[in-house]
Amino acid sequence: MKKWLVIILIAVVAGFTLMSSYNGLVKAEEEIDSVWANVESSYQRRADLIPNLVNTVKGQANFEQQTLTNVIEARAKATQTKIDPSNMTEEQLAQFQQEQNQVGSALSRLLVTVEQYPQLKAHEGFMNLQAQLEGTENRINVARNKFNDAARLYNQKVRQFPAKFAALIFGFKEKPYFKSSAGAENAPTVNFN
């Protein structure tokens, strides 16, 4: 009788441990999903501002069409990529990040080229859009950092004992991190010639 009682007690403790680990993993995964939605929302805000910026520039400057076309194309491509955070892979995140970097690069070229148009730089609408884009880029950075923090906490849970057993049983896998772009360690060169 005592032997069965010990076995039942061990099974109950193991069951509660497994349940607690599973619930902790679900909570951490939901946090990742929520933070990922904030990352997407920040990038969407930037994508929504781009048409306004392009139209303002078009209306105020006799502008190089290719620069505007590059911005529009990069935005269109970046808004097509959707990632399911529950099945996110390193490759998907790298592709998403590359497409977003292309948008940022195209916007940078646009803003550098705008320097040639003093009447545009002084235009209140353009200045407002430029300030909104700057704020949006800051929001994107904050959202990406929060995603990496949430991914770190989740990945710790997935790898720590005893939750690791629950992760293996229920299929919880590590999440990738946002990484810096190639060449990001080099300071940009500013040249007004």
N, C-alpha and C. Protein backbone atom coordinates (compact mmCIF):
# COMPACT_ATOMS: atom_id res chain seq x y z
N MET A 1 0.82 -1.20 0.00
CA MET A 1 0.00 0.00 0.00
C MET A 1 0.87 1.27 0.00
N LYS A 2 1.93 1.25 0.84
CA LYS A 2 2.82 2.41 0.91
C LYS A 2 3.53 2.63 -0.42
N LYS A 3 3.88 1.54 -1.07
CA LYS A 3 4.59 1.62 -2.34
C LYS A 3 3.73 2.34 -3.39
N TRP A 4 2.46 2.02 -3.43
CA TRP A 4 1.54 2.66 -4.39
C TRP A 4 1.33 4.13 -4.05
N LEU A 5 1.29 4.42 -2.79
CA LEU A 5 1.11 5.80 -2.36
C LEU A 5 2.31 6.66 -2.78
N VAL A 6 3.53 6.12 -2.66
CA VAL A 6 4.74 6.83 -3.07
C VAL A 6 4.73 7.03 -4.59
N ILE A 7 4.35 6.00 -5.34
CA ILE A 7 4.30 6.10 -6.80
C ILE A 7 3.27 7.15 -7.23
N ILE A 8 2.12 7.14 -6.58
CA ILE A 8 1.08 8.11 -6.90
C ILE A 8 1.55 9.52 -6.56
N LEU A 9 2.21 9.68 -5.42
CA LEU A 9 2.72 10.98 -5.01
C LEU A 9 3.77 11.49 -6.01
N ILE A 10 4.67 10.63 -6.45
CA ILE A 10 5.68 11.01 -7.43
C ILE A 10 5.01 11.40 -8.75
N ALA A 11 4.00 10.65 -9.17
CA ALA A 11 3.29 10.95 -10.42
C ALA A 11 2.57 12.29 -10.32
N VAL A 12 1.97 12.58 -9.17
CA VAL A 12 1.27 13.85 -8.98
C VAL A 12 2.26 15.01 -9.03
N VAL A 13 3.39 14.88 -8.33
CA VAL A 13 4.41 15.93 -8.33
C VAL A 13 4.95 16.14 -9.75
N ALA A 14 5.23 15.04 -10.45
CA ALA A 14 5.72 15.15 -11.83
C ALA A 14 4.67 15.81 -12.73
N GLY A 15 3.41 15.46 -12.53
CA GLY A 15 2.32 16.06 -13.31
C GLY A 15 2.21 17.55 -13.08
N PHE A 16 2.27 17.96 -11.82
CA PHE A 16 2.20 19.39 -11.51
C PHE A 16 3.43 20.14 -12.04
N THR A 17 4.59 19.52 -11.97
CA THR A 17 5.80 20.14 -12.51
C THR A 17 5.68 20.32 -14.01
N LEU A 18 5.20 19.27 -14.70
CA LEU A 18 5.02 19.34 -16.14
C LEU A 18 3.98 20.40 -16.51
N MET A 19 2.88 20.44 -15.76
CA MET A 19 1.83 21.43 -16.02
C MET A 19 2.35 22.85 -15.79
N SER A 20 3.08 23.04 -14.70
CA SER A 20 3.63 24.36 -14.41
C SER A 20 4.62 24.79 -15.49
N SER A 21 5.47 23.87 -15.93
CA SER A 21 6.43 24.19 -16.99
C SER A 21 5.71 24.53 -18.28
N TYR A 22 4.69 23.75 -18.62
CA TYR A 22 3.92 23.99 -19.84
C TYR A 22 3.27 25.37 -19.79
N ASN A 23 2.63 25.68 -18.67
CA ASN A 23 1.96 26.98 -18.52
C ASN A 23 2.96 28.14 -18.61
N GLY A 24 4.14 27.97 -18.04
CA GLY A 24 5.17 29.00 -18.13
C GLY A 24 5.63 29.21 -19.57
N LEU A 25 5.76 28.12 -20.31
CA LEU A 25 6.15 28.22 -21.72
C LEU A 25 5.07 28.89 -22.55
N VAL A 26 3.82 28.55 -22.29
CA VAL A 26 2.70 29.17 -23.01
C VAL A 26 2.68 30.67 -22.73
N LYS A 27 2.86 31.04 -21.49
CA LYS A 27 2.86 32.47 -21.12
C LYS A 27 4.01 33.19 -21.84
N ALA A 28 5.19 32.60 -21.84
CA ALA A 28 6.34 33.22 -22.51
C ALA A 28 6.13 33.30 -24.01
N GLU A 29 5.50 32.28 -24.60
CA GLU A 29 5.24 32.30 -26.04
C GLU A 29 4.20 33.36 -26.40
N GLU A 30 3.21 33.53 -25.55
CA GLU A 30 2.22 34.58 -25.78
C GLU A 30 2.86 35.96 -25.69
N GLU A 31 3.81 36.13 -24.80
CA GLU A 31 4.53 37.40 -24.69
C GLU A 31 5.30 37.67 -25.98
N ILE A 32 5.94 36.63 -26.53
CA ILE A 32 6.67 36.78 -27.80
C ILE A 32 5.70 37.21 -28.90
N ASP A 33 4.54 36.56 -28.98
CA ASP A 33 3.56 36.90 -30.01
C ASP A 33 3.11 38.35 -29.87
N SER A 34 2.88 38.78 -28.65
CA SER A 34 2.45 40.16 -28.40
C SER A 34 3.53 41.16 -28.78
N VAL A 35 4.75 40.89 -28.40
CA VAL A 35 5.86 41.79 -28.71
C VAL A 35 6.11 41.79 -30.22
N TRP A 36 5.98 40.64 -30.88
CA TRP A 36 6.16 40.59 -32.34
C TRP A 36 5.10 41.45 -33.03
N ALA A 37 3.87 41.41 -32.52
CA ALA A 37 2.81 42.25 -33.09
C ALA A 37 3.18 43.73 -32.97
N ASN A 38 3.84 44.11 -31.89
CA ASN A 38 4.29 45.50 -31.73
C ASN A 38 5.40 45.84 -32.73
N VAL A 39 6.28 44.88 -33.01
CA VAL A 39 7.32 45.10 -34.02
C VAL A 39 6.66 45.34 -35.38
N GLU A 40 5.73 44.47 -35.74
CA GLU A 40 5.04 44.62 -37.02
C GLU A 40 4.27 45.94 -37.09
N SER A 41 3.65 46.32 -35.98
CA SER A 41 2.91 47.58 -35.93
C SER A 41 3.83 48.78 -36.16
N SER A 42 5.03 48.74 -35.59
CA SER A 42 5.98 49.84 -35.79
C SER A 42 6.43 49.91 -37.25
N TYR A 43 6.70 48.77 -37.85
CA TYR A 43 7.08 48.77 -39.26
C TYR A 43 5.91 49.21 -40.14
N GLN A 44 4.70 48.83 -39.76
CA GLN A 44 3.52 49.24 -40.54
C GLN A 44 3.33 50.74 -40.47
N ARG A 45 3.62 51.34 -39.32
CA ARG A 45 3.50 52.80 -39.18
C ARG A 45 4.46 53.47 -40.17
N ARG A 46 5.67 52.94 -40.26
CA ARG A 46 6.63 53.51 -41.21
C ARG A 46 6.11 53.34 -42.64
N ALA A 47 5.59 52.16 -42.95
CA ALA A 47 5.08 51.92 -44.30
C ALA A 47 3.91 52.86 -44.62
N ASP A 48 3.10 53.17 -43.62
CA ASP A 48 1.98 54.08 -43.84
C ASP A 48 2.44 55.52 -44.06
N LEU A 49 3.55 55.91 -43.46
CA LEU A 49 4.06 57.27 -43.62
C LEU A 49 4.76 57.49 -44.96
N ILE A 50 5.30 56.44 -45.53
CA ILE A 50 6.09 56.58 -46.76
C ILE A 50 5.31 57.20 -47.91
N PRO A 51 4.07 56.78 -48.21
CA PRO A 51 3.36 57.43 -49.32
C PRO A 51 3.19 58.94 -49.11
N ASN A 52 2.95 59.35 -47.88
CA ASN A 52 2.82 60.78 -47.59
C ASN A 52 4.13 61.52 -47.83
N LEU A 53 5.22 60.90 -47.40
CA LEU A 53 6.53 61.51 -47.61
C LEU A 53 6.83 61.62 -49.10
N VAL A 54 6.61 60.55 -49.83
CA VAL A 54 6.89 60.54 -51.27
C VAL A 54 6.03 61.59 -51.98
N ASN A 55 4.75 61.67 -51.65
CA ASN A 55 3.87 62.65 -52.30
C ASN A 55 4.26 64.09 -51.95
N THR A 56 4.71 64.31 -50.72
CA THR A 56 5.17 65.64 -50.34
C THR A 56 6.41 66.03 -51.14
N VAL A 57 7.34 65.09 -51.25
CA VAL A 57 8.57 65.36 -52.00
C VAL A 57 8.24 65.59 -53.47
N LYS A 58 7.37 64.76 -54.02
CA LYS A 58 6.97 64.92 -55.44
C LYS A 58 6.38 66.29 -55.67
N GLY A 59 5.53 66.72 -54.76
CA GLY A 59 4.84 67.99 -54.94
C GLY A 59 5.74 69.20 -54.77
N GLN A 60 6.84 69.06 -54.08
CA GLN A 60 7.67 70.21 -53.76
C GLN A 60 8.96 70.29 -54.56
N ALA A 61 9.34 69.23 -55.22
CA ALA A 61 10.65 69.23 -55.89
C ALA A 61 10.56 68.63 -57.28
N ASN A 62 11.41 69.12 -58.14
CA ASN A 62 11.59 68.52 -59.45
C ASN A 62 12.57 67.39 -59.19
N PHE A 63 12.04 66.21 -58.89
CA PHE A 63 12.82 65.20 -58.20
C PHE A 63 13.23 64.04 -59.08
N GLU A 64 14.34 63.43 -58.72
CA GLU A 64 14.83 62.24 -59.41
C GLU A 64 13.83 61.10 -59.20
N GLN A 65 13.19 60.68 -60.27
CA GLN A 65 12.12 59.69 -60.21
C GLN A 65 12.60 58.34 -59.68
N GLN A 66 13.81 57.94 -60.01
CA GLN A 66 14.30 56.62 -59.60
C GLN A 66 14.37 56.49 -58.09
N THR A 67 14.76 57.55 -57.40
CA THR A 67 14.84 57.52 -55.94
C THR A 67 13.45 57.27 -55.35
N LEU A 68 12.46 57.98 -55.85
CA LEU A 68 11.09 57.78 -55.37
C LEU A 68 10.60 56.37 -55.68
N THR A 69 10.90 55.89 -56.89
CA THR A 69 10.49 54.54 -57.28
C THR A 69 11.11 53.50 -56.35
N ASN A 70 12.38 53.67 -56.02
CA ASN A 70 13.05 52.72 -55.12
C ASN A 70 12.40 52.68 -53.74
N VAL A 71 12.01 53.84 -53.23
CA VAL A 71 11.34 53.89 -51.93
C VAL A 71 10.00 53.17 -52.00
N ILE A 72 9.24 53.44 -53.04
CA ILE A 72 7.91 52.83 -53.18
C ILE A 72 8.03 51.32 -53.33
N GLU A 73 8.98 50.86 -54.15
CA GLU A 73 9.15 49.41 -54.36
C GLU A 73 9.62 48.71 -53.09
N ALA A 74 10.55 49.32 -52.37
CA ALA A 74 11.03 48.71 -51.13
C ALA A 74 9.91 48.60 -50.11
N ARG A 75 9.07 49.65 -50.02
CA ARG A 75 7.94 49.62 -49.11
C ARG A 75 6.96 48.51 -49.49
N ALA A 76 6.65 48.41 -50.78
CA ALA A 76 5.71 47.38 -51.24
C ALA A 76 6.21 45.98 -50.92
N LYS A 77 7.48 45.74 -51.16
CA LYS A 77 8.05 44.41 -50.90
C LYS A 77 8.04 44.10 -49.41
N ALA A 78 8.39 45.08 -48.59
CA ALA A 78 8.47 44.87 -47.15
C ALA A 78 7.10 44.62 -46.53
N THR A 79 6.06 45.21 -47.07
CA THR A 79 4.73 45.03 -46.49
C THR A 79 4.09 43.69 -46.89
N GLN A 80 4.69 42.99 -47.84
CA GLN A 80 4.15 41.69 -48.26
C GLN A 80 4.61 40.55 -47.36
N THR A 81 5.72 40.70 -46.69
CA THR A 81 6.27 39.64 -45.86
C THR A 81 5.56 39.60 -44.52
N LYS A 82 4.96 38.46 -44.22
CA LYS A 82 4.30 38.25 -42.93
C LYS A 82 4.92 37.01 -42.29
N ILE A 83 5.15 37.10 -40.99
CA ILE A 83 5.74 35.99 -40.24
C ILE A 83 4.78 35.57 -39.14
N ASP A 84 4.55 34.27 -39.04
CA ASP A 84 3.77 33.72 -37.94
C ASP A 84 4.72 33.53 -36.76
N PRO A 85 4.55 34.29 -35.67
CA PRO A 85 5.52 34.21 -34.59
C PRO A 85 5.61 32.84 -33.93
N SER A 86 4.56 32.03 -34.03
CA SER A 86 4.62 30.70 -33.41
C SER A 86 5.51 29.75 -34.19
N ASN A 87 5.74 30.01 -35.49
CA ASN A 87 6.59 29.16 -36.31
C ASN A 87 7.77 29.93 -36.91
N MET A 88 8.18 30.99 -36.26
CA MET A 88 9.23 31.85 -36.77
C MET A 88 10.56 31.10 -36.83
N THR A 89 11.25 31.28 -37.97
CA THR A 89 12.58 30.68 -38.11
C THR A 89 13.62 31.78 -38.27
N GLU A 90 14.86 31.40 -38.10
CA GLU A 90 15.98 32.33 -38.27
C GLU A 90 15.97 32.89 -39.69
N GLU A 91 15.69 32.03 -40.68
CA GLU A 91 15.69 32.46 -42.09
C GLU A 91 14.57 33.46 -42.37
N GLN A 92 13.38 33.19 -41.84
CA GLN A 92 12.25 34.11 -42.04
C GLN A 92 12.56 35.48 -41.44
N LEU A 93 13.11 35.48 -40.23
CA LEU A 93 13.42 36.74 -39.58
C LEU A 93 14.51 37.49 -40.33
N ALA A 94 15.50 36.76 -40.84
CA ALA A 94 16.57 37.39 -41.62
C ALA A 94 16.02 38.02 -42.90
N GLN A 95 15.10 37.31 -43.58
CA GLN A 95 14.49 37.85 -44.79
C GLN A 95 13.66 39.10 -44.46
N PHE A 96 12.87 39.03 -43.40
CA PHE A 96 12.06 40.17 -42.96
C PHE A 96 12.96 41.36 -42.67
N GLN A 97 14.05 41.11 -41.93
CA GLN A 97 14.96 42.18 -41.57
C GLN A 97 15.63 42.75 -42.80
N GLN A 98 16.01 41.92 -43.75
CA GLN A 98 16.65 42.41 -44.98
C GLN A 98 15.71 43.31 -45.76
N GLU A 99 14.45 42.93 -45.87
CA GLU A 99 13.48 43.75 -46.59
C GLU A 99 13.25 45.08 -45.87
N GLN A 100 13.20 45.06 -44.55
CA GLN A 100 13.03 46.30 -43.80
C GLN A 100 14.27 47.18 -43.92
N ASN A 101 15.44 46.56 -43.97
CA ASN A 101 16.67 47.34 -44.15
C ASN A 101 16.69 48.02 -45.52
N GLN A 102 16.12 47.37 -46.53
CA GLN A 102 16.05 47.98 -47.86
C GLN A 102 15.16 49.22 -47.83
N VAL A 103 14.08 49.16 -47.06
CA VAL A 103 13.22 50.34 -46.91
C VAL A 103 14.00 51.46 -46.24
N GLY A 104 14.69 51.13 -45.16
CA GLY A 104 15.48 52.14 -44.46
C GLY A 104 16.55 52.75 -45.35
N SER A 105 17.19 51.92 -46.14
CA SER A 105 18.23 52.40 -47.05
C SER A 105 17.64 53.32 -48.12
N ALA A 106 16.51 52.94 -48.68
CA ALA A 106 15.86 53.78 -49.70
C ALA A 106 15.42 55.11 -49.09
N LEU A 107 14.90 55.08 -47.87
CA LEU A 107 14.51 56.33 -47.20
C LEU A 107 15.72 57.21 -46.94
N SER A 108 16.82 56.60 -46.55
CA SER A 108 18.05 57.38 -46.31
C SER A 108 18.50 58.08 -47.58
N ARG A 109 18.48 57.37 -48.71
CA ARG A 109 18.87 57.98 -49.98
C ARG A 109 17.92 59.12 -50.34
N LEU A 110 16.63 58.92 -50.08
CA LEU A 110 15.65 59.96 -50.35
C LEU A 110 15.95 61.21 -49.52
N LEU A 111 16.20 61.02 -48.23
CA LEU A 111 16.44 62.17 -47.36
C LEU A 111 17.75 62.87 -47.69
N VAL A 112 18.76 62.13 -48.11
CA VAL A 112 20.02 62.75 -48.52
C VAL A 112 19.81 63.57 -49.79
N THR A 113 19.07 63.03 -50.73
CA THR A 113 18.83 63.72 -51.99
C THR A 113 18.00 64.98 -51.76
N VAL A 114 17.13 64.97 -50.78
CA VAL A 114 16.28 66.12 -50.47
C VAL A 114 17.12 67.32 -50.04
N GLU A 115 18.32 67.06 -49.53
CA GLU A 115 19.20 68.16 -49.12
C GLU A 115 19.44 69.16 -50.26
N GLN A 116 19.27 68.73 -51.49
CA GLN A 116 19.50 69.60 -52.64
C GLN A 116 18.34 70.57 -52.87
N TYR A 117 17.25 70.43 -52.14
CA TYR A 117 16.06 71.24 -52.36
C TYR A 117 15.73 72.06 -51.12
N PRO A 118 16.32 73.27 -50.99
CA PRO A 118 16.10 74.08 -49.78
C PRO A 118 14.64 74.41 -49.53
N GLN A 119 13.84 74.65 -50.60
CA GLN A 119 12.44 74.99 -50.37
C GLN A 119 11.68 73.81 -49.78
N LEU A 120 12.10 72.57 -50.09
CA LEU A 120 11.46 71.38 -49.54
C LEU A 120 11.86 71.20 -48.08
N LYS A 121 13.13 71.40 -47.78
CA LYS A 121 13.60 71.23 -46.40
C LYS A 121 12.87 72.18 -45.46
N ALA A 122 12.48 73.36 -45.95
CA ALA A 122 11.81 74.35 -45.12
C ALA A 122 10.29 74.13 -45.08
N HIS A 123 9.76 73.28 -45.94
CA HIS A 123 8.32 73.04 -46.01
C HIS A 123 7.84 72.37 -44.72
N GLU A 124 6.84 72.96 -44.09
CA GLU A 124 6.36 72.48 -42.79
C GLU A 124 5.86 71.04 -42.86
N GLY A 125 5.14 70.70 -43.92
CA GLY A 125 4.63 69.32 -44.06
C GLY A 125 5.75 68.31 -44.15
N PHE A 126 6.78 68.65 -44.90
CA PHE A 126 7.92 67.74 -45.02
C PHE A 126 8.64 67.61 -43.68
N MET A 127 8.83 68.72 -43.00
CA MET A 127 9.52 68.67 -41.71
C MET A 127 8.74 67.81 -40.71
N ASN A 128 7.41 67.92 -40.75
CA ASN A 128 6.58 67.11 -39.87
C ASN A 128 6.71 65.62 -40.21
N LEU A 129 6.66 65.30 -41.50
CA LEU A 129 6.81 63.90 -41.91
C LEU A 129 8.19 63.35 -41.54
N GLN A 130 9.21 64.16 -41.73
CA GLN A 130 10.55 63.73 -41.39
C GLN A 130 10.66 63.45 -39.88
N ALA A 131 10.06 64.30 -39.06
CA ALA A 131 10.06 64.09 -37.61
C ALA A 131 9.29 62.82 -37.25
N GLN A 132 8.15 62.59 -37.93
CA GLN A 132 7.39 61.37 -37.68
C GLN A 132 8.17 60.13 -38.06
N LEU A 133 8.88 60.18 -39.18
CA LEU A 133 9.70 59.05 -39.59
C LEU A 133 10.81 58.78 -38.58
N GLU A 134 11.43 59.85 -38.10
CA GLU A 134 12.48 59.69 -37.10
C GLU A 134 11.92 59.03 -35.84
N GLY A 135 10.76 59.50 -35.39
CA GLY A 135 10.11 58.89 -34.23
C GLY A 135 9.75 57.44 -34.48
N THR A 136 9.30 57.15 -35.69
CA THR A 136 8.94 55.78 -36.05
C THR A 136 10.17 54.87 -36.03
N GLU A 137 11.28 55.35 -36.56
CA GLU A 137 12.51 54.56 -36.54
C GLU A 137 12.92 54.26 -35.10
N ASN A 138 12.75 55.23 -34.21
CA ASN A 138 13.04 55.00 -32.79
C ASN A 138 12.10 53.95 -32.21
N ARG A 139 10.81 54.03 -32.57
CA ARG A 139 9.84 53.03 -32.09
C ARG A 139 10.21 51.63 -32.59
N ILE A 140 10.63 51.56 -33.83
CA ILE A 140 11.03 50.27 -34.40
C ILE A 140 12.19 49.70 -33.59
N ASN A 141 13.17 50.52 -33.29
CA ASN A 141 14.32 50.06 -32.51
C ASN A 141 13.89 49.58 -31.13
N VAL A 142 13.02 50.32 -30.47
CA VAL A 142 12.54 49.93 -29.14
C VAL A 142 11.76 48.61 -29.24
N ALA A 143 10.89 48.48 -30.25
CA ALA A 143 10.11 47.26 -30.41
C ALA A 143 11.01 46.06 -30.69
N ARG A 144 12.03 46.25 -31.51
CA ARG A 144 12.97 45.15 -31.79
C ARG A 144 13.72 44.74 -30.54
N ASN A 145 14.14 45.72 -29.74
CA ASN A 145 14.83 45.40 -28.49
C ASN A 145 13.93 44.64 -27.53
N LYS A 146 12.66 45.06 -27.45
CA LYS A 146 11.71 44.34 -26.58
C LYS A 146 11.48 42.93 -27.08
N PHE A 147 11.43 42.76 -28.40
CA PHE A 147 11.27 41.41 -28.97
C PHE A 147 12.47 40.55 -28.58
N ASN A 148 13.67 41.08 -28.72
CA ASN A 148 14.86 40.31 -28.35
C ASN A 148 14.86 39.95 -26.86
N ASP A 149 14.40 40.87 -26.01
CA ASP A 149 14.30 40.57 -24.57
C ASP A 149 13.29 39.44 -24.33
N ALA A 150 12.13 39.52 -24.98
CA ALA A 150 11.11 38.48 -24.82
C ALA A 150 11.62 37.15 -25.37
N ALA A 151 12.32 37.18 -26.49
CA ALA A 151 12.88 35.95 -27.07
C ALA A 151 13.92 35.35 -26.14
N ARG A 152 14.73 36.20 -25.51
CA ARG A 152 15.75 35.71 -24.57
C ARG A 152 15.09 35.00 -23.39
N LEU A 153 14.06 35.61 -22.81
CA LEU A 153 13.38 34.99 -21.67
C LEU A 153 12.70 33.68 -22.07
N TYR A 154 12.06 33.69 -23.24
CA TYR A 154 11.41 32.48 -23.73
C TYR A 154 12.43 31.38 -23.98
N ASN A 155 13.53 31.72 -24.66
CA ASN A 155 14.56 30.73 -24.98
C ASN A 155 15.20 30.17 -23.71
N GLN A 156 15.33 30.99 -22.68
CA GLN A 156 15.84 30.49 -21.40
C GLN A 156 14.89 29.44 -20.83
N LYS A 157 13.59 29.73 -20.88
CA LYS A 157 12.61 28.77 -20.36
C LYS A 157 12.66 27.46 -21.14
N VAL A 158 12.76 27.58 -22.47
CA VAL A 158 12.79 26.38 -23.31
C VAL A 158 14.00 25.51 -23.00
N ARG A 159 15.10 26.13 -22.59
CA ARG A 159 16.34 25.38 -22.39
C ARG A 159 16.59 24.97 -20.94
N GLN A 160 15.84 25.54 -19.98
CA GLN A 160 16.10 25.25 -18.57
C GLN A 160 15.34 24.02 -18.09
N PHE A 161 15.95 23.33 -17.13
CA PHE A 161 15.32 22.19 -16.49
C PHE A 161 14.32 22.69 -15.48
N PRO A 162 13.18 22.12 -15.28
CA PRO A 162 12.54 20.98 -15.92
C PRO A 162 11.67 21.35 -17.13
N ALA A 163 11.59 22.67 -17.42
CA ALA A 163 10.73 23.11 -18.53
C ALA A 163 11.21 22.55 -19.87
N LYS A 164 12.48 22.19 -19.95
CA LYS A 164 13.02 21.65 -21.19
C LYS A 164 12.27 20.38 -21.60
N PHE A 165 11.89 19.56 -20.61
CA PHE A 165 11.13 18.35 -20.91
C PHE A 165 9.75 18.68 -21.47
N ALA A 166 9.10 19.68 -20.87
CA ALA A 166 7.79 20.10 -21.38
C ALA A 166 7.93 20.67 -22.78
N ALA A 167 9.01 21.42 -23.03
CA ALA A 167 9.24 21.99 -24.36
C ALA A 167 9.43 20.88 -25.39
N LEU A 168 10.17 19.86 -25.04
CA LEU A 168 10.37 18.73 -25.95
C LEU A 168 9.06 17.97 -26.20
N ILE A 169 8.31 17.73 -25.15
CA ILE A 169 7.05 16.98 -25.27
C ILE A 169 6.03 17.74 -26.10
N PHE A 170 5.90 19.04 -25.86
CA PHE A 170 4.85 19.84 -26.49
C PHE A 170 5.32 20.64 -27.71
N GLY A 171 6.57 20.50 -28.10
CA GLY A 171 7.05 21.10 -29.34
C GLY A 171 7.40 22.57 -29.29
N PHE A 172 7.75 23.09 -28.12
CA PHE A 172 8.19 24.48 -28.02
C PHE A 172 9.63 24.55 -28.51
N LYS A 173 9.88 25.47 -29.46
CA LYS A 173 11.23 25.62 -30.02
C LYS A 173 11.75 27.02 -29.75
N GLU A 174 13.08 27.16 -29.75
CA GLU A 174 13.69 28.47 -29.52
C GLU A 174 13.28 29.45 -30.63
N LYS A 175 13.23 30.72 -30.28
CA LYS A 175 12.89 31.80 -31.22
C LYS A 175 14.16 32.52 -31.64
N PRO A 176 14.21 33.01 -32.89
CA PRO A 176 15.39 33.75 -33.35
C PRO A 176 15.38 35.18 -32.79
N TYR A 177 16.54 35.82 -32.88
CA TYR A 177 16.70 37.21 -32.45
C TYR A 177 16.88 38.12 -33.66
N PHE A 178 16.52 39.39 -33.49
CA PHE A 178 16.92 40.39 -34.46
C PHE A 178 18.42 40.58 -34.31
N LYS A 179 19.11 40.70 -35.42
CA LYS A 179 20.55 40.93 -35.40
C LYS A 179 20.85 42.19 -36.18
N SER A 180 22.00 42.76 -35.92
CA SER A 180 22.37 43.97 -36.66
C SER A 180 22.64 43.62 -38.11
N SER A 181 22.45 44.58 -38.97
CA SER A 181 22.68 44.41 -40.40
C SER A 181 24.16 44.31 -40.69
N ALA A 182 24.49 43.67 -41.78
CA ALA A 182 25.89 43.59 -42.19
C ALA A 182 26.43 45.00 -42.40
N GLY A 183 27.56 45.29 -41.83
CA GLY A 183 28.18 46.61 -41.97
C GLY A 183 27.70 47.61 -40.94
N ALA A 184 26.78 47.21 -40.05
CA ALA A 184 26.25 48.14 -39.06
C ALA A 184 27.30 48.58 -38.04
N GLU A 185 28.37 47.80 -37.93
CA GLU A 185 29.43 48.17 -36.98
C GLU A 185 30.25 49.36 -37.46
N ASN A 186 30.11 49.72 -38.75
CA ASN A 186 30.84 50.86 -39.31
C ASN A 186 29.98 52.11 -39.27
N ALA A 187 30.55 53.19 -38.80
CA ALA A 187 29.81 54.46 -38.75
C ALA A 187 29.55 54.95 -40.17
N PRO A 188 28.35 55.50 -40.44
CA PRO A 188 28.07 56.00 -41.78
C PRO A 188 28.92 57.23 -42.10
N THR A 189 29.22 57.40 -43.37
CA THR A 189 29.99 58.55 -43.84
C THR A 189 29.02 59.61 -44.31
N VAL A 190 29.18 60.81 -43.78
CA VAL A 190 28.35 61.93 -44.18
C VAL A 190 29.19 62.82 -45.08
N ASN A 191 28.66 63.08 -46.31
CA ASN A 191 29.40 63.88 -47.29
C ASN A 191 28.42 64.83 -47.95
N PHE A 192 28.64 66.14 -47.82
CA PHE A 192 27.75 67.14 -48.39
C PHE A 192 28.30 67.74 -49.68
N ASN A 193 29.16 67.03 -50.38
CA ASN A 193 29.71 67.54 -51.66
C ASN A 193 28.77 67.30 -52.79
